[in-house]
C-alpha atoms as a PDB file:
ATOM      1  CA  MET A   1      27.915 -36.533 -12.667  1.00  0.00           C
ATOM      2  CA  THR A   2      26.056 -33.510 -13.951  1.00  0.00           C
ATOM      3  CA  SER A   3      27.219 -30.144 -15.200  1.00  0.00           C
ATOM      4  CA  ARG A   4      26.045 -26.597 -14.799  1.00  0.00           C
ATOM      5  CA  ASN A   5      25.349 -26.530 -18.531  1.00  0.00           C
ATOM      6  CA  THR A   6      23.022 -28.689 -20.592  1.00  0.00           C
ATOM      7  CA  THR A   7      24.110 -32.313 -20.349  1.00  0.00           C
ATOM      8  CA  ALA A   8      24.044 -34.671 -23.295  1.00  0.00           C
ATOM      9  CA  ALA A   9      21.385 -37.362 -23.341  1.00  0.00           C
ATOM     10  CA  ARG A  10      24.052 -40.040 -22.990  1.00  0.00           C
ATOM     11  CA  ALA A  11      26.127 -40.307 -19.838  1.00  0.00           C
ATOM     12  CA  ARG A  12      29.873 -39.913 -20.316  1.00  0.00           C
ATOM     13  CA  ALA A  13      31.820 -43.095 -20.836  1.00  0.00           C
ATOM     14  CA  ASP A  14      34.412 -44.056 -18.261  1.00  0.00           C
ATOM     15  CA  GLU A  15      37.800 -45.657 -18.762  1.00  0.00           C
ATOM     16  CA  THR A  16      37.955 -48.319 -16.077  1.00  0.00           C
ATOM     17  CA  GLY A  17      40.570 -50.590 -17.584  1.00  0.00           C
ATOM     18  CA  VAL A  18      38.166 -53.541 -17.368  1.00  0.00           C
ATOM     19  CA  THR A  19      36.897 -55.449 -20.398  1.00  0.00           C
ATOM     20  CA  ARG A  20      33.315 -56.652 -20.101  1.00  0.00           C
ATOM     21  CA  ASP A  21      32.800 -60.294 -20.977  1.00  0.00           C
ATOM     22  CA  ALA A  22      29.755 -61.707 -22.767  1.00  0.00           C
ATOM     23  CA  GLY A  23      27.897 -62.242 -19.498  1.00  0.00           C
ATOM     24  CA  ASP A  24      28.446 -58.633 -18.479  1.00  0.00           C
ATOM     25  CA  TRP A  25      27.006 -57.387 -21.754  1.00  0.00           C
ATOM     26  CA  VAL A  26      23.994 -59.689 -21.522  1.00  0.00           C
ATOM     27  CA  ARG A  27      23.251 -58.409 -18.024  1.00  0.00           C
ATOM     28  CA  LEU A  28      23.650 -54.770 -19.034  1.00  0.00           C
ATOM     29  CA  LEU A  29      21.505 -55.092 -22.157  1.00  0.00           C
ATOM     30  CA  SER A  30      18.858 -57.081 -20.296  1.00  0.00           C
ATOM     31  CA  PHE A  31      18.491 -54.402 -17.648  1.00  0.00           C
ATOM     32  CA  GLY A  32      18.498 -51.709 -20.324  1.00  0.00           C
ATOM     33  CA  ALA A  33      15.666 -53.439 -22.164  1.00  0.00           C
ATOM     34  CA  VAL A  34      13.582 -53.537 -18.997  1.00  0.00           C
ATOM     35  CA  GLN A  35      14.345 -50.138 -17.511  1.00  0.00           C
ATOM     36  CA  TRP A  36      14.259 -47.882 -20.586  1.00  0.00           C
ATOM     37  CA  PRO A  37      11.017 -46.202 -19.399  1.00  0.00           C
ATOM     38  CA  TRP A  38      12.794 -45.174 -16.185  1.00  0.00           C
ATOM     39  CA  LEU A  39      15.831 -44.008 -18.141  1.00  0.00           C
ATOM     40  CA  LEU A  40      13.570 -41.731 -20.183  1.00  0.00           C
ATOM     41  CA  LYS A  41      12.193 -40.308 -16.941  1.00  0.00           C
ATOM     42  CA  SER A  42      15.758 -39.441 -15.986  1.00  0.00           C
ATOM     43  CA  LEU A  43      15.767 -36.905 -18.813  1.00  0.00           C
ATOM     44  CA  TYR A  44      12.970 -34.910 -17.160  1.00  0.00           C
ATOM     45  CA  GLY A  45      14.129 -32.428 -14.564  1.00  0.00           C
ATOM     46  CA  GLY A  46      10.826 -31.164 -13.214  1.00  0.00           C
ATOM     47  CA  ARG A  47       8.555 -28.184 -13.714  1.00  0.00           C
ATOM     48  CA  LYS A  48       9.950 -24.709 -14.154  1.00  0.00           C
ATOM     49  CA  ALA A  49       7.753 -23.521 -11.276  1.00  0.00           C
ATOM     50  CA  ASP A  50       9.327 -26.101  -8.957  1.00  0.00           C
ATOM     51  CA  LYS A  51      12.797 -24.992  -9.972  1.00  0.00           C
ATOM     52  CA  THR A  52      11.869 -21.347  -9.313  1.00  0.00           C
ATOM     53  CA  ALA A  53      10.495 -22.302  -5.896  1.00  0.00           C
ATOM     54  CA  LEU A  54      13.704 -24.174  -5.102  1.00  0.00           C
ATOM     55  CA  LEU A  55      15.890 -21.199  -5.985  1.00  0.00           C
ATOM     56  CA  ASP A  56      13.640 -18.857  -4.015  1.00  0.00           C
ATOM     57  CA  ARG A  57      13.781 -20.929  -0.841  1.00  0.00           C
ATOM     58  CA  LEU A  58      17.581 -21.068  -1.105  1.00  0.00           C
ATOM     59  CA  GLY A  59      18.006 -17.418  -1.998  1.00  0.00           C
ATOM     60  CA  LEU A  60      19.873 -18.286  -5.195  1.00  0.00           C
ATOM     61  CA  PRO A  61      19.641 -16.270  -8.438  1.00  0.00           C
ATOM     62  CA  GLU A  62      17.589 -17.518 -11.367  1.00  0.00           C
ATOM     63  CA  ASP A  63      20.663 -18.564 -13.345  1.00  0.00           C
ATOM     64  CA  ALA A  64      22.273 -20.494 -10.472  1.00  0.00           C
ATOM     65  CA  LEU A  65      20.966 -23.822 -11.758  1.00  0.00           C
ATOM     66  CA  PRO A  66      20.903 -25.027 -15.350  1.00  0.00           C
ATOM     67  CA  HIS A  67      18.123 -26.846 -17.124  1.00  0.00           C
ATOM     68  CA  LEU A  68      17.679 -29.878 -14.874  1.00  0.00           C
ATOM     69  CA  GLY A  69      16.941 -32.520 -17.509  1.00  0.00           C
ATOM     70  CA  SER A  70      19.372 -34.950 -19.133  1.00  0.00           C
ATOM     71  CA  TRP A  71      20.645 -36.947 -16.121  1.00  0.00           C
ATOM     72  CA  LYS A  72      20.781 -34.029 -13.687  1.00  0.00           C
ATOM     73  CA  ALA A  73      19.018 -34.286 -10.322  1.00  0.00           C
ATOM     74  CA  ASP A  74      15.347 -33.388 -10.711  1.00  0.00           C
ATOM     75  CA  THR A  75      13.569 -30.728  -8.686  1.00  0.00           C
ATOM     76  CA  GLY A  76      11.735 -33.315  -6.595  1.00  0.00           C
ATOM     77  CA  LEU A  77      14.985 -34.833  -5.340  1.00  0.00           C
ATOM     78  CA  LEU A  78      16.556 -31.420  -4.764  1.00  0.00           C
ATOM     79  CA  HIS A  79      13.575 -30.203  -2.710  1.00  0.00           C
ATOM     80  CA  ARG A  80      13.725 -33.420  -0.658  1.00  0.00           C
ATOM     81  CA  ILE A  81      17.429 -32.903  -0.028  1.00  0.00           C
ATOM     82  CA  VAL A  82      16.834 -29.327   1.117  1.00  0.00           C
ATOM     83  CA  ASP A  83      14.020 -30.490   3.416  1.00  0.00           C
ATOM     84  CA  THR A  84      16.347 -33.080   4.947  1.00  0.00           C
ATOM     85  CA  VAL A  85      19.271 -30.706   5.452  1.00  0.00           C
ATOM     86  CA  LEU A  86      17.149 -27.952   6.991  1.00  0.00           C
ATOM     87  CA  ALA A  87      15.287 -30.372   9.275  1.00  0.00           C
ATOM     88  CA  HIS A  88      18.215 -32.523  10.469  1.00  0.00           C
ATOM     89  CA  LYS A  89      21.142 -30.089  10.135  1.00  0.00           C
ATOM     90  CA  PRO A  90      23.717 -32.802   9.349  1.00  0.00           C
ATOM     91  CA  GLY A  91      27.227 -31.981  10.467  1.00  0.00           C
ATOM     92  CA  THR A  92      28.835 -33.979   7.656  1.00  0.00           C
ATOM     93  CA  VAL A  93      27.344 -34.777   4.251  1.00  0.00           C
ATOM     94  CA  VAL A  94      28.994 -37.123   1.752  1.00  0.00           C
ATOM     95  CA  GLU A  95      27.810 -37.083  -1.839  1.00  0.00           C
ATOM     96  CA  LEU A  96      28.561 -39.646  -4.545  1.00  0.00           C
ATOM     97  CA  GLY A  97      28.143 -37.947  -7.927  1.00  0.00           C
ATOM     98  CA  ALA A  98      28.709 -34.186  -7.956  1.00  0.00           C
ATOM     99  CA  GLY A  99      26.712 -31.550  -9.816  1.00  0.00           C
ATOM    100  CA  ALA A 100      23.552 -29.523  -9.294  1.00  0.00           C
ATOM    101  CA  SER A 101      22.936 -31.299  -5.997  1.00  0.00           C
ATOM    102  CA  THR A 102      26.352 -30.163  -4.735  1.00  0.00           C
ATOM    103  CA  LEU A 103      25.376 -26.530  -5.146  1.00  0.00           C
ATOM    104  CA  VAL A 104      21.986 -27.114  -3.540  1.00  0.00           C
ATOM    105  CA  VAL A 105      23.405 -29.050  -0.589  1.00  0.00           C
ATOM    106  CA  ALA A 106      26.141 -26.477   0.017  1.00  0.00           C
ATOM    107  CA  LYS A 107      23.620 -23.644   0.072  1.00  0.00           C
ATOM    108  CA  ALA A 108      21.152 -25.565   2.252  1.00  0.00           C
ATOM    109  CA  MET A 109      23.917 -26.368   4.748  1.00  0.00           C
ATOM    110  CA  GLN A 110      24.902 -22.709   4.817  1.00  0.00           C
ATOM    111  CA  LEU A 111      21.302 -21.788   5.656  1.00  0.00           C
ATOM    112  CA  ALA A 112      21.156 -24.546   8.279  1.00  0.00           C
ATOM    113  CA  GLY A 113      24.190 -23.199  10.097  1.00  0.00           C
ATOM    114  CA  GLY A 114      27.124 -24.832   8.355  1.00  0.00           C
ATOM    115  CA  GLY A 115      28.775 -28.220   8.236  1.00  0.00           C
ATOM    116  CA  ARG A 116      31.129 -30.224   6.060  1.00  0.00           C
ATOM    117  CA  LEU A 117      30.227 -31.330   2.533  1.00  0.00           C
ATOM    118  CA  VAL A 118      32.463 -33.860   0.788  1.00  0.00           C
ATOM    119  CA  SER A 119      31.480 -34.630  -2.791  1.00  0.00           C
ATOM    120  CA  PHE A 120      33.102 -37.280  -4.997  1.00  0.00           C
ATOM    121  CA  ASP A 121      32.968 -37.569  -8.782  1.00  0.00           C
ATOM    122  CA  GLN A 122      34.744 -39.849 -11.259  1.00  0.00           C
ATOM    123  CA  HIS A 123      35.609 -37.117 -13.769  1.00  0.00           C
ATOM    124  CA  GLY A 124      38.655 -35.055 -12.814  1.00  0.00           C
ATOM    125  CA  ASP A 125      37.867 -32.167 -15.155  1.00  0.00           C
ATOM    126  CA  PHE A 126      34.359 -31.918 -13.800  1.00  0.00           C
ATOM    127  CA  VAL A 127      35.599 -31.699 -10.207  1.00  0.00           C
ATOM    128  CA  GLY A 128      37.334 -28.409 -11.019  1.00  0.00           C
ATOM    129  CA  ALA A 129      34.252 -27.115 -12.816  1.00  0.00           C
ATOM    130  CA  VAL A 130      32.037 -27.818  -9.795  1.00  0.00           C
ATOM    131  CA  ARG A 131      34.478 -26.059  -7.480  1.00  0.00           C
ATOM    132  CA  ASN A 132      34.324 -22.978  -9.712  1.00  0.00           C
ATOM    133  CA  TRP A 133      30.534 -23.213  -9.850  1.00  0.00           C
ATOM    134  CA  LEU A 134      30.346 -23.159  -6.059  1.00  0.00           C
ATOM    135  CA  ALA A 135      32.827 -20.283  -5.835  1.00  0.00           C
ATOM    136  CA  ASP A 136      30.631 -18.226  -8.169  1.00  0.00           C
ATOM    137  CA  HIS A 137      27.996 -18.312  -5.412  1.00  0.00           C
ATOM    138  CA  ASP A 138      30.373 -17.914  -2.453  1.00  0.00           C
ATOM    139  CA  LEU A 139      29.921 -21.549  -1.448  1.00  0.00           C
ATOM    140  CA  THR A 140      32.529 -24.147  -0.590  1.00  0.00           C
ATOM    141  CA  ALA A 141      32.731 -27.928  -0.451  1.00  0.00           C
ATOM    142  CA  GLU A 142      35.427 -30.574  -0.626  1.00  0.00           C
ATOM    143  CA  VAL A 143      34.862 -31.746  -4.208  1.00  0.00           C
ATOM    144  CA  ARG A 144      37.215 -34.645  -4.883  1.00  0.00           C
ATOM    145  CA  HIS A 145      38.175 -36.786  -7.840  1.00  0.00           C
ATOM    146  CA  ALA A 146      37.344 -40.455  -7.285  1.00  0.00           C
ATOM    147  CA  PRO A 147      38.060 -42.520 -10.418  1.00  0.00           C
ATOM    148  CA  ILE A 148      36.173 -45.739 -11.006  1.00  0.00           C
ATOM    149  CA  ILE A 149      38.349 -48.809 -10.501  1.00  0.00           C
ATOM    150  CA  ALA A 150      37.746 -52.574 -10.386  1.00  0.00           C
ATOM    151  CA  HIS A 151      38.180 -53.461  -6.736  1.00  0.00           C
ATOM    152  CA  ASN A 152      38.057 -57.193  -7.486  1.00  0.00           C
ATOM    153  CA  GLY A 153      39.665 -56.947 -10.920  1.00  0.00           C
ATOM    154  CA  ARG A 154      36.328 -57.559 -12.640  1.00  0.00           C
ATOM    155  CA  TRP A 155      33.526 -55.451 -14.077  1.00  0.00           C
ATOM    156  CA  SER A 156      31.292 -56.555 -11.190  1.00  0.00           C
ATOM    157  CA  GLY A 157      33.716 -54.891  -8.767  1.00  0.00           C
ATOM    158  CA  LEU A 158      33.644 -51.398 -10.272  1.00  0.00           C
ATOM    159  CA  TRP A 159      33.413 -48.701  -7.626  1.00  0.00           C
ATOM    160  CA  TYR A 160      34.865 -45.332  -6.704  1.00  0.00           C
ATOM    161  CA  ASP A 161      38.437 -45.107  -5.482  1.00  0.00           C
ATOM    162  CA  LEU A 162      37.453 -43.087  -2.443  1.00  0.00           C
ATOM    163  CA  VAL A 163      40.142 -41.273  -0.482  1.00  0.00           C
ATOM    164  CA  GLY A 164      39.459 -39.033   2.504  1.00  0.00           C
ATOM    165  CA  VAL A 165      35.978 -40.221   3.408  1.00  0.00           C
ATOM    166  CA  PRO A 166      34.936 -38.766   6.798  1.00  0.00           C
ATOM    167  CA  ASP A 167      34.748 -41.218   9.697  1.00  0.00           C
ATOM    168  CA  GLN A 168      31.164 -40.149  10.399  1.00  0.00           C
ATOM    169  CA  ILE A 169      28.560 -39.445   7.715  1.00  0.00           C
ATOM    170  CA  ASP A 170      25.331 -37.844   8.915  1.00  0.00           C
ATOM    171  CA  LEU A 171      23.808 -37.724   5.435  1.00  0.00           C
ATOM    172  CA  LEU A 172      24.937 -39.935   2.539  1.00  0.00           C
ATOM    173  CA  LEU A 173      23.627 -38.893  -0.892  1.00  0.00           C
ATOM    174  CA  ILE A 174      24.018 -41.490  -3.656  1.00  0.00           C
ATOM    175  CA  ASP A 175      23.562 -40.224  -7.219  1.00  0.00           C
ATOM    176  CA  GLY A 176      26.382 -42.131  -8.900  1.00  0.00           C
ATOM    177  CA  PRO A 177      28.062 -43.926 -10.520  1.00  0.00           C
ATOM    178  CA  PRO A 178      25.935 -43.989 -13.712  1.00  0.00           C
ATOM    179  CA  TRP A 179      23.942 -47.142 -14.401  1.00  0.00           C
ATOM    180  CA  ALA A 180      25.783 -47.781 -17.706  1.00  0.00           C
ATOM    181  CA  LEU A 181      28.780 -48.911 -15.640  1.00  0.00           C
ATOM    182  CA  GLY A 182      26.575 -51.600 -14.125  1.00  0.00           C
ATOM    183  CA  PRO A 183      22.816 -51.753 -13.427  1.00  0.00           C
ATOM    184  CA  THR A 184      23.402 -52.408  -9.722  1.00  0.00           C
ATOM    185  CA  ILE A 185      26.712 -50.556  -9.357  1.00  0.00           C
ATOM    186  CA  ARG A 186      25.364 -48.249  -6.642  1.00  0.00           C
ATOM    187  CA  GLU A 187      25.095 -51.191  -4.285  1.00  0.00           C
ATOM    188  CA  GLY A 188      28.752 -50.470  -3.543  1.00  0.00           C
ATOM    189  CA  ALA A 189      27.660 -47.479  -1.454  1.00  0.00           C
ATOM    190  CA  GLN A 190      26.926 -49.869   1.398  1.00  0.00           C
ATOM    191  CA  ARG A 191      30.681 -49.861   2.076  1.00  0.00           C
ATOM    192  CA  LEU A 192      30.034 -46.527   3.783  1.00  0.00           C
ATOM    193  CA  PHE A 193      26.948 -47.477   5.826  1.00  0.00           C
ATOM    194  CA  SER A 194      28.983 -48.402   8.899  1.00  0.00           C
ATOM    195  CA  ARG A 195      30.029 -44.738   9.091  1.00  0.00           C
ATOM    196  CA  VAL A 196      26.420 -43.561   9.373  1.00  0.00           C
ATOM    197  CA  PRO A 197      25.511 -43.025  13.055  1.00  0.00           C
ATOM    198  CA  VAL A 198      22.156 -43.602  14.706  1.00  0.00           C
ATOM    199  CA  GLY A 199      19.829 -40.936  13.314  1.00  0.00           C
ATOM    200  CA  GLY A 200      21.943 -40.622  10.174  1.00  0.00           C
ATOM    201  CA  ILE A 201      20.325 -40.784   6.743  1.00  0.00           C
ATOM    202  CA  VAL A 202      21.048 -42.479   3.407  1.00  0.00           C
ATOM    203  CA  MET A 203      19.365 -41.237   0.207  1.00  0.00           C
ATOM    204  CA  LEU A 204      19.529 -43.112  -3.113  1.00  0.00           C
ATOM    205  CA  ASP A 205      18.406 -41.356  -6.309  1.00  0.00           C
ATOM    206  CA  ASP A 206      16.767 -43.189  -9.246  1.00  0.00           C
ATOM    207  CA  ALA A 207      15.372 -45.722  -6.796  1.00  0.00           C
ATOM    208  CA  ALA A 208      12.406 -46.601  -9.046  1.00  0.00           C
ATOM    209  CA  ARG A 209      14.681 -48.156 -11.701  1.00  0.00           C
ATOM    210  CA  PRO A 210      14.864 -51.975 -11.763  1.00  0.00           C
ATOM    211  CA  GLY A 211      18.588 -52.016 -10.976  1.00  0.00           C
ATOM    212  CA  GLU A 212      18.183 -49.727  -7.974  1.00  0.00           C
ATOM    213  CA  ARG A 213      15.129 -51.686  -6.832  1.00  0.00           C
ATOM    214  CA  LEU A 214      17.332 -54.767  -6.652  1.00  0.00           C
ATOM    215  CA  VAL A 215      19.928 -52.740  -4.746  1.00  0.00           C
ATOM    216  CA  ALA A 216      17.216 -51.591  -2.323  1.00  0.00           C
ATOM    217  CA  LYS A 217      16.064 -55.184  -1.793  1.00  0.00           C
ATOM    218  CA  HIS A 218      19.597 -56.221  -0.864  1.00  0.00           C
ATOM    219  CA  TRP A 219      20.077 -53.266   1.474  1.00  0.00           C
ATOM    220  CA  MET A 220      16.792 -53.931   3.255  1.00  0.00           C
ATOM    221  CA  ARG A 221      17.891 -57.527   3.792  1.00  0.00           C
ATOM    222  CA  ASP A 222      21.499 -56.838   4.794  1.00  0.00           C
ATOM    223  CA  TRP A 223      21.067 -53.587   6.724  1.00  0.00           C
ATOM    224  CA  PRO A 224      18.107 -53.987   9.100  1.00  0.00           C
ATOM    225  CA  GLN A 225      19.684 -51.299  11.292  1.00  0.00           C
ATOM    226  CA  PHE A 226      18.042 -48.808   8.911  1.00  0.00           C
ATOM    227  CA  ASP A 227      14.367 -48.036   8.380  1.00  0.00           C
ATOM    228  CA  TRP A 228      13.991 -48.012   4.585  1.00  0.00           C
ATOM    229  CA  THR A 229      11.298 -46.131   2.668  1.00  0.00           C
ATOM    230  CA  LEU A 230      10.825 -45.727  -1.080  1.00  0.00           C
ATOM    231  CA  MET A 231       9.638 -42.157  -1.543  1.00  0.00           C
ATOM    232  CA  PRO A 232       7.456 -41.241  -4.551  1.00  0.00           C
ATOM    233  CA  GLY A 233       8.706 -38.954  -7.287  1.00  0.00           C
ATOM    234  CA  ILE A 234       9.664 -38.793 -10.944  1.00  0.00           C
ATOM    235  CA  LYS A 235      12.561 -41.185 -10.447  1.00  0.00           C
ATOM    236  CA  GLY A 236      11.950 -42.325  -6.885  1.00  0.00           C
ATOM    237  CA  THR A 237      14.167 -41.852  -3.835  1.00  0.00           C
ATOM    238  CA  LEU A 238      15.088 -44.556  -1.337  1.00  0.00           C
ATOM    239  CA  VAL A 239      15.566 -43.115   2.148  1.00  0.00           C
ATOM    240  CA  GLY A 240      17.151 -45.058   4.981  1.00  0.00           C
ATOM    241  CA  VAL A 241      17.296 -43.757   8.569  1.00  0.00           C
ATOM    242  CA  ARG A 242      19.618 -45.570  10.967  1.00  0.00           C
ATOM    243  CA  ARG A 243      17.739 -46.588  14.103  1.00  0.00           C
ATOM    244  CA  SER A 244      20.210 -48.952  15.783  1.00  0.00           C
END
């Protein structure tokens, strides 16, 4: 979740209705102690020149995107997303974690000839704000509220309550939920991998962090149908292309 305005250094807390036990806290604090250098990198959004180049290639005005630090997608990830959309022209894109990337994807898809963008975020108030943000630039997407719930009744089962996910996902962008809800919480995105067709693409942001590295290890083991590559960058991006 990111906003069009400056985002606070701390991610917003979520009310999940689940109480973390001692083991949960030990795991969270242990990961936090190890991955704090990567968390600091998350506060850097990229060079101003890269942001200007991004806006220029999309034909967006200078004020279309906010300062990209403080948990927002960085310019490296956004350029990579644009490259992917323009090269592969996905018919349907699903995004987990709305924000600056939603605007960029919507505009890139418009330039690529159209398509369907479905973006989910856990904060209901933010969903409306993103819709208005897109409308300001004559762009549209299906931005939907997906609260975080405990699918197994425990903290380890926290994941989006997703409703209306397309049957086929040509590009799956994973930039949520925030790590504070669980260092490996984004592993839950694999619930959608069966909807990705041959040639479809999965992209995971923050892939250089220890929690996401563990997620990547599990995906590489459990989903050999994809060719997985860890792309360089400020925060790292894991890219999976379905081959079979």
